[in-house]
Structure formats: structure tokens, C-alpha cells
Amino acid sequence: MSKHHSSLQSYKKPWLPISDQIDLLKKRGMIINDAGVAVEFLKHVNYYRFSGFCLAFESSRHRFRDGVTFENVKGTYEFDRSLRDVVTEALEVVELDVRTAVAYHFGEKYGAFGHGDPGSFFKHFNHSSWAEKLKSEAYRSREEFVSHFKSTYKEFPSLPIWVVSEIMSFGALSHMCNGMLKPDQTYIARRYKLQRSDWVSWMHHLSYTRNLCAHHARLWDRIWSIKPQLPYGFNWRPPHLLGNNRLFSTLLILNYLMGRCPTVATYAMDWRSRVENLIDNPPAVSNATQLMGLTSGWKTHPLWK
């Protein structure tokens, strides 16, 4: 047994019925005005998930600040759910654009199956692992166009780049972007008026954000584990942007990328408006804007307007 393992303790917290969960919240200082509402909410949202939303309302661990109500935390959960919805929408728009740009360029330069050649990628790219994941996704796919290809062409489970780009995960797409040869990264990054390394970093960060949204993880007050590299220029530096580890940096990146897709200009304008309307009613904590990485004049940021 390793030294690390021998120092670990056994998990001994018991299962708690909802009535006891509510008593625990009260004991920690939460005001619960309507126990019936609290019971029904905790039947819908796991207490363990709910407790994550309590963190911003605590004065010390497991102790709520004076006056914190169940409705405050429930409202923050609902705010975050709406936030994930608008972020997921924008991620979809950006992901589709990048899929198309990658498939078009790779198909033109390397042909239908050029992505199956390790020579089309950086020499240290783990091409075999990535290619196996694509084949696995082809076998799992229930899309009609994949079934048609399988029943018609002998190359299956290999698919043309313009076909496989439609079924690969955002993670696989991000991995491909990271493994491309520098001239290919540069070519595609130019569509977004970005440096190659910034574009690759953004794809990695957005893939991570997409996974958070897909697993319904808390976004609003999260410190990013996978941070986006920020371009040079004062728009990406204080006081315009406080850093790259909070929500606002990601909102700016999504807005910036959609701004490089003329066909979604009307959608992007509506999206910005909905984000603003949502954030105009933030969680009921005094430092909500800081927890989201927002500056005092964030709506007038040169890359947001």
C-alpha cells in the first residue's frame, strides 16, 4: 500500500433524508421560508449539487452569511442554468463554424482521407489514438449519412473528412486542431483573425467549457481549470479584462469568434442582448460581478459592443 493511500480516511458521511438536509441547512444559518418549496426542489436537484451553489453565500465553510435564504441559492441555481443555456448556444455556433473551416481546408489540401495519414499532422501528435476514436464514433453513430456510407463504400469505418467532421466530438475536433501542422493552424486561424497558438488554445478551452455545460456543471463563479491564452493587445488586458480564469473571458471569446462569422451577425446581436439581460439580474451576493470576472463597464468593452 502506498504511503499516500495509507494516509487517506474512509468516507463515513451517512445518507441524509431530505428533511435532514433541510435541518442541516438551517443549522448552518440558512433561512427557509417555505419548507415545502425546499423539499420539492431538493427532490429535483441533488443536495450535493445544491451545496456547490451555497459556497458563494458562506461567510466561512458551512456557515451562511446573515440573511441568506433558500430562495437566494435556488435563484442562483436557476441563473446558472440559464447561463449554461446561452453559453451552450454560442458554443454550438462556434463549433459548427470551426468544423466547417477545418473540413474544407483539410479536404482541399489532403483529400477525403488525408486526415488518416499521420504525415498530415505534427510528428508528436498521437494520431493512432485520435484516429481510433474517430472510427469508434463512426461505429456508434446512428446518423443516416453514416449508415449510407457504411453500406455503400469499402473505406468504412474511415470516413471522408467532410463526413467525419460532422460526428466527431468537440474534444476530438480540439485535439485535431492541436495536432495540425503549423501552416494549417495558421491558415484556419486567419479566418478568425487570430494567431495560431491563440486559436489552438481557444479550441481547447471551449472544448472544456462544452464539457462543463454538457455535465450541467456550475459556470457562473467557476475558476477555469483550462484557461484560454489571451491575444496581445490592450483589449485583452486590465482594466478591460481582469484575467483569463473567469466567465467574462469566455463570453468575450465566444462573441469575438461569432463576430468573424458574418452569417450569424443577427443571432450574435440577439445573443449579446440575452446575456446582458441575464447578467443584469445576478445572484444575490455582493461580489457577483467579480466572481464572473466582469469589469464595471463590461458592456462597453470594445470586443463586446
Protein backbone atom coordinates (compact mmCIF):
# COMPACT_ATOMS: atom_id res chain seq x y z
CA MET A 1 0.00 0.00 0.00
CA SER A 2 1.37 3.44 -0.93
CA LYS A 3 2.18 6.00 1.74
CA HIS A 4 -0.41 8.35 0.18
CA HIS A 5 -3.15 5.71 0.30
CA SER A 6 -2.42 4.77 3.92
CA SER A 7 -2.94 8.41 4.97
CA LEU A 8 -6.44 8.58 3.46
CA GLN A 9 -9.52 8.25 5.61
CA SER A 10 -12.69 6.29 4.94
CA TYR A 11 -15.80 8.19 3.82
CA LYS A 12 -18.29 7.98 6.68
CA LYS A 13 -20.92 10.61 5.86
CA PRO A 14 -24.35 8.95 6.03
CA TRP A 15 -27.19 9.19 3.53
CA LEU A 16 -29.49 12.02 4.60
CA PRO A 17 -33.25 12.13 4.04
CA ILE A 18 -34.42 15.46 2.60
CA SER A 19 -35.89 16.54 5.94
CA ASP A 20 -32.43 16.16 7.48
CA GLN A 21 -30.83 18.01 4.56
CA ILE A 22 -33.12 20.95 5.29
CA ASP A 23 -32.35 20.78 9.02
CA LEU A 24 -28.64 20.85 8.18
CA LEU A 25 -29.08 23.96 6.02
CA LYS A 26 -30.98 25.67 8.85
CA LYS A 27 -28.31 24.67 11.36
CA ARG A 28 -25.72 26.35 9.13
CA GLY A 29 -27.73 29.58 9.14
CA MET A 30 -29.92 29.42 6.04
CA ILE A 31 -33.38 30.95 6.27
CA ILE A 32 -36.02 28.62 4.78
CA ASN A 33 -39.32 30.47 4.45
CA ASP A 34 -41.25 27.67 2.74
CA ALA A 35 -40.16 24.16 3.66
CA GLY A 36 -42.50 22.66 1.05
CA VAL A 37 -40.76 24.51 -1.77
CA ALA A 38 -37.36 23.47 -0.40
CA VAL A 39 -38.43 19.80 -0.20
CA GLU A 40 -39.68 19.72 -3.79
CA PHE A 41 -36.57 21.50 -5.08
CA LEU A 42 -34.23 19.06 -3.33
CA LYS A 43 -36.23 16.17 -4.78
CA HIS A 44 -35.34 17.61 -8.19
CA VAL A 45 -31.77 18.89 -7.60
CA ASN A 46 -29.38 16.62 -5.72
CA TYR A 47 -28.32 18.14 -2.38
CA TYR A 48 -24.65 17.63 -3.32
CA ARG A 49 -25.15 19.76 -6.47
CA PHE A 50 -27.16 22.34 -4.50
CA SER A 51 -24.39 22.65 -1.90
CA GLY A 52 -22.00 23.86 -4.61
CA PHE A 53 -24.28 26.85 -5.18
CA CYS A 54 -24.19 27.56 -1.44
CA LEU A 55 -20.46 28.32 -1.46
CA ALA A 56 -20.78 31.93 -2.64
CA PHE A 57 -23.19 32.62 0.23
CA GLU A 58 -20.97 31.35 3.04
CA SER A 59 -19.03 33.55 5.46
CA SER A 60 -16.89 30.55 6.41
CA ARG A 61 -17.07 26.87 5.46
CA HIS A 62 -20.54 25.52 6.24
CA ARG A 63 -21.69 28.84 7.74
CA PHE A 64 -24.04 31.11 5.81
CA ARG A 65 -23.85 34.88 5.99
CA ASP A 66 -26.65 36.57 7.89
CA GLY A 67 -29.91 36.79 5.98
CA VAL A 68 -29.19 34.16 3.29
CA THR A 69 -32.39 32.44 2.19
CA PHE A 70 -33.09 29.19 0.38
CA GLU A 71 -34.58 31.34 -2.40
CA ASN A 72 -31.21 33.14 -2.81
CA VAL A 73 -29.42 29.88 -3.57
CA LYS A 74 -32.28 28.46 -5.65
CA GLY A 75 -32.25 31.68 -7.71
CA THR A 76 -28.51 31.30 -8.27
CA TYR A 77 -29.02 27.74 -9.50
CA GLU A 78 -31.66 29.00 -11.95
CA PHE A 79 -29.38 31.87 -13.05
CA ASP A 80 -26.59 29.41 -13.74
CA ARG A 81 -28.89 27.10 -15.69
CA SER A 82 -29.91 29.99 -17.94
CA LEU A 83 -26.26 30.99 -18.27
CA ARG A 84 -25.29 27.47 -19.38
CA ASP A 85 -28.06 27.61 -21.96
CA VAL A 86 -26.78 30.80 -23.61
CA VAL A 87 -23.15 29.65 -23.43
CA THR A 88 -24.07 26.28 -24.95
CA GLU A 89 -25.91 28.03 -27.79
CA ALA A 90 -22.89 30.14 -28.68
CA LEU A 91 -20.57 27.14 -28.38
CA GLU A 92 -22.71 25.33 -30.93
CA VAL A 93 -22.44 28.22 -33.39
CA VAL A 94 -18.66 28.44 -32.98
CA GLU A 95 -18.17 24.67 -33.10
CA LEU A 96 -20.11 24.34 -36.36
CA ASP A 97 -18.07 27.11 -37.94
CA VAL A 98 -14.75 25.56 -36.90
CA ARG A 99 -15.86 22.09 -38.06
CA THR A 100 -16.66 23.55 -41.48
CA ALA A 101 -13.41 25.54 -41.73
CA VAL A 102 -11.31 22.51 -40.73
CA ALA A 103 -13.12 20.06 -43.02
CA TYR A 104 -12.98 22.43 -46.01
CA HIS A 105 -9.27 23.20 -45.65
CA PHE A 106 -8.22 19.65 -44.85
CA GLY A 107 -10.28 18.23 -47.69
CA GLU A 108 -8.85 20.71 -50.18
CA LYS A 109 -5.24 20.19 -49.11
CA TYR A 110 -5.08 16.49 -48.20
CA GLY A 111 -8.10 14.91 -49.90
CA ALA A 112 -11.04 12.96 -48.49
CA PHE A 113 -8.97 10.64 -46.29
CA GLY A 114 -5.87 12.76 -45.70
CA HIS A 115 -6.68 13.01 -42.01
CA GLY A 116 -5.95 9.27 -41.82
CA ASP A 117 -2.30 9.89 -42.69
CA PRO A 118 -0.07 10.67 -39.68
CA GLY A 119 2.08 12.72 -42.05
CA SER A 120 -0.71 15.31 -42.23
CA PHE A 121 -0.07 16.14 -38.57
CA PHE A 122 2.65 17.24 -36.17
CA LYS A 123 5.10 14.36 -35.64
CA HIS A 124 4.42 14.13 -31.88
CA PHE A 125 0.64 14.08 -32.33
CA ASN A 126 -0.84 10.79 -31.09
CA HIS A 127 -2.50 10.17 -34.42
CA SER A 128 -3.32 6.49 -33.89
CA SER A 129 -5.29 7.14 -30.68
CA TRP A 130 -7.18 10.05 -32.27
CA ALA A 131 -7.96 8.06 -35.45
CA GLU A 132 -9.23 5.11 -33.39
CA LYS A 133 -11.63 7.44 -31.55
CA LEU A 134 -12.98 8.67 -34.89
CA LYS A 135 -13.56 5.08 -36.04
CA SER A 136 -15.27 4.30 -32.74
CA GLU A 137 -17.55 7.31 -33.23
CA ALA A 138 -18.33 6.09 -36.76
CA TYR A 139 -19.36 2.65 -35.43
CA ARG A 140 -21.53 4.25 -32.71
CA SER A 141 -23.18 6.79 -34.97
CA ARG A 142 -26.84 6.33 -35.86
CA GLU A 143 -26.81 9.09 -38.46
CA GLU A 144 -28.36 8.13 -41.78
CA PHE A 145 -25.46 9.56 -43.76
CA VAL A 146 -23.04 7.31 -41.85
CA SER A 147 -25.25 4.25 -42.41
CA HIS A 148 -25.39 5.09 -46.12
CA PHE A 149 -21.61 5.39 -46.32
CA LYS A 150 -21.16 2.10 -44.46
CA SER A 151 -23.49 0.24 -46.83
CA THR A 152 -22.01 1.82 -49.96
CA TYR A 153 -18.24 2.28 -49.60
CA LYS A 154 -15.49 -0.11 -48.59
CA GLU A 155 -13.48 2.52 -46.68
CA PHE A 156 -15.77 2.38 -43.62
CA PRO A 157 -15.10 2.90 -40.68
CA SER A 158 -12.83 5.55 -42.22
CA LEU A 159 -14.97 8.47 -43.35
CA PRO A 160 -14.12 11.46 -45.56
CA ILE A 161 -13.06 14.49 -43.55
CA TRP A 162 -16.22 16.38 -44.50
CA VAL A 163 -18.29 13.46 -43.17
CA VAL A 164 -16.35 12.60 -40.01
CA SER A 165 -16.21 16.28 -39.04
CA GLU A 166 -19.98 16.09 -38.55
CA ILE A 167 -19.82 13.30 -35.95
CA MET A 168 -16.55 13.89 -34.11
CA SER A 169 -16.87 15.30 -30.60
CA PHE A 170 -15.76 18.83 -29.78
CA GLY A 171 -12.93 17.18 -27.84
CA ALA A 172 -11.78 15.26 -30.92
CA LEU A 173 -12.05 18.43 -33.00
CA SER A 174 -9.97 20.37 -30.47
CA HIS A 175 -7.42 17.54 -30.41
CA MET A 176 -7.20 17.67 -34.21
CA CYS A 177 -6.67 21.44 -34.15
CA ASN A 178 -3.84 20.97 -31.65
CA GLY A 179 -2.18 18.28 -33.78
CA MET A 180 -2.31 20.06 -37.13
CA LEU A 181 0.83 21.23 -38.86
CA LYS A 182 1.61 24.88 -38.16
CA PRO A 183 0.79 26.11 -41.69
CA ASP A 184 -2.68 24.53 -41.42
CA GLN A 185 -3.29 26.02 -37.97
CA THR A 186 -2.19 29.42 -39.30
CA TYR A 187 -4.45 29.16 -42.33
CA ILE A 188 -7.60 28.36 -40.32
CA ALA A 189 -6.77 30.82 -37.51
CA ARG A 190 -6.64 33.55 -40.15
CA ARG A 191 -10.42 33.19 -40.64
CA TYR A 192 -10.79 34.35 -37.04
CA LYS A 193 -8.04 36.97 -37.26
CA LEU A 194 -6.09 35.13 -34.58
CA GLN A 195 -2.55 33.97 -34.07
CA ARG A 196 -2.17 30.23 -34.50
CA SER A 197 -1.34 29.48 -30.86
CA ASP A 198 -4.24 31.60 -29.55
CA TRP A 199 -6.71 29.81 -31.81
CA VAL A 200 -5.49 26.36 -30.71
CA SER A 201 -5.68 27.40 -27.04
CA TRP A 202 -9.21 28.76 -27.51
CA MET A 203 -10.38 25.48 -29.05
CA HIS A 204 -9.01 23.57 -26.05
CA HIS A 205 -10.71 25.95 -23.61
CA LEU A 206 -14.04 25.89 -25.45
CA SER A 207 -13.98 22.08 -25.57
CA TYR A 208 -13.50 22.10 -21.79
CA THR A 209 -16.34 24.64 -21.40
CA ARG A 210 -18.55 22.49 -23.63
CA ASN A 211 -17.91 19.50 -21.34
CA LEU A 212 -18.81 21.56 -18.28
CA CYS A 213 -22.09 22.59 -19.89
CA ALA A 214 -22.85 19.04 -21.04
CA HIS A 215 -22.46 17.79 -17.47
CA HIS A 216 -24.53 20.68 -16.06
CA ALA A 217 -21.55 21.92 -14.03
CA ARG A 218 -21.65 25.30 -12.31
CA LEU A 219 -20.31 28.08 -14.55
CA TRP A 220 -21.07 31.46 -13.04
CA ASP A 221 -18.48 31.55 -10.24
CA ARG A 222 -16.07 28.90 -11.55
CA ILE A 223 -12.34 29.43 -11.81
CA TRP A 224 -11.36 27.81 -15.13
CA SER A 225 -9.04 24.80 -14.90
CA ILE A 226 -8.20 25.09 -18.60
CA LYS A 227 -7.67 28.77 -19.28
CA PRO A 228 -7.65 30.36 -22.75
CA GLN A 229 -4.48 32.04 -23.93
CA LEU A 230 -5.22 35.73 -24.44
CA PRO A 231 -4.04 37.60 -27.54
CA TYR A 232 -1.73 40.57 -27.34
CA GLY A 233 -3.44 43.95 -27.22
CA PHE A 234 -4.95 46.22 -24.59
CA ASN A 235 -8.49 44.86 -25.15
CA TRP A 236 -7.36 41.59 -23.56
CA ARG A 237 -5.55 43.21 -20.63
CA PRO A 238 -6.55 45.07 -17.44
CA PRO A 239 -8.53 47.21 -16.97
CA HIS A 240 -10.56 45.96 -19.98
CA LEU A 241 -10.28 42.32 -18.90
CA LEU A 242 -9.23 41.23 -15.42
CA GLY A 243 -7.83 37.85 -16.43
CA ASN A 244 -8.45 34.62 -18.30
CA ASN A 245 -9.77 32.42 -15.50
CA ARG A 246 -13.41 33.54 -15.19
CA LEU A 247 -16.61 33.62 -17.20
CA PHE A 248 -16.17 37.04 -18.83
CA SER A 249 -13.07 35.98 -20.77
CA THR A 250 -15.08 33.10 -22.26
CA LEU A 251 -18.05 35.32 -23.13
CA LEU A 252 -15.67 37.70 -24.91
CA ILE A 253 -14.06 34.83 -26.83
CA LEU A 254 -17.44 33.46 -27.95
CA ASN A 255 -18.60 36.91 -29.03
CA TYR A 256 -15.31 37.58 -30.83
CA LEU A 257 -15.48 34.31 -32.76
CA MET A 258 -19.12 34.80 -33.74
CA GLY A 259 -18.11 38.25 -34.96
CA ARG A 260 -15.89 36.51 -37.53
CA CYS A 261 -18.89 34.58 -38.90
CA PRO A 262 -20.90 37.14 -40.91
CA THR A 263 -23.83 34.79 -41.46
CA VAL A 264 -24.64 34.74 -37.71
CA ALA A 265 -24.40 38.51 -37.15
CA THR A 266 -28.11 38.90 -36.31
CA TYR A 267 -28.03 35.92 -33.96
CA ALA A 268 -24.88 37.23 -32.25
CA MET A 269 -26.55 40.59 -31.59
CA ASP A 270 -29.56 38.86 -30.04
CA TRP A 271 -27.24 36.58 -28.03
CA ARG A 272 -25.36 39.56 -26.57
CA SER A 273 -28.65 41.16 -25.58
CA ARG A 274 -29.82 38.00 -23.83
CA VAL A 275 -26.52 37.65 -21.97
CA GLU A 276 -26.78 41.27 -20.80
CA ASN A 277 -30.39 40.84 -19.68
CA LEU A 278 -29.45 37.72 -17.74
CA ILE A 279 -26.43 39.28 -16.02
CA ASP A 280 -28.48 42.38 -15.16
CA ASN A 281 -30.13 40.12 -12.56
CA PRO A 282 -27.13 38.36 -11.00
CA PRO A 283 -27.01 36.06 -7.96
CA ALA A 284 -27.73 37.84 -4.67
CA VAL A 285 -24.13 38.14 -3.49
CA SER A 286 -22.24 41.42 -3.24
CA ASN A 287 -19.25 40.20 -5.27
CA ALA A 288 -21.24 38.54 -8.09
CA THR A 289 -19.57 40.62 -10.81
CA GLN A 290 -16.07 39.75 -9.56
CA LEU A 291 -16.93 36.06 -9.38
CA MET A 292 -17.87 36.23 -13.07
CA GLY A 293 -14.73 38.21 -13.94
CA LEU A 294 -16.78 41.20 -15.08
CA THR A 295 -15.39 44.72 -15.11
CA SER A 296 -17.60 47.60 -14.01
CA GLY A 297 -18.09 48.72 -17.62
CA TRP A 298 -18.12 45.28 -19.21
CA LYS A 299 -21.00 46.07 -21.59
CA THR A 300 -18.90 48.77 -23.26
CA HIS A 301 -15.85 46.53 -23.72
CA PRO A 302 -14.50 47.14 -27.27
CA LEU A 303 -14.81 43.41 -28.07
CA TRP A 304 -18.35 43.12 -26.69
CA LYS A 305 -20.22 46.08 -28.16
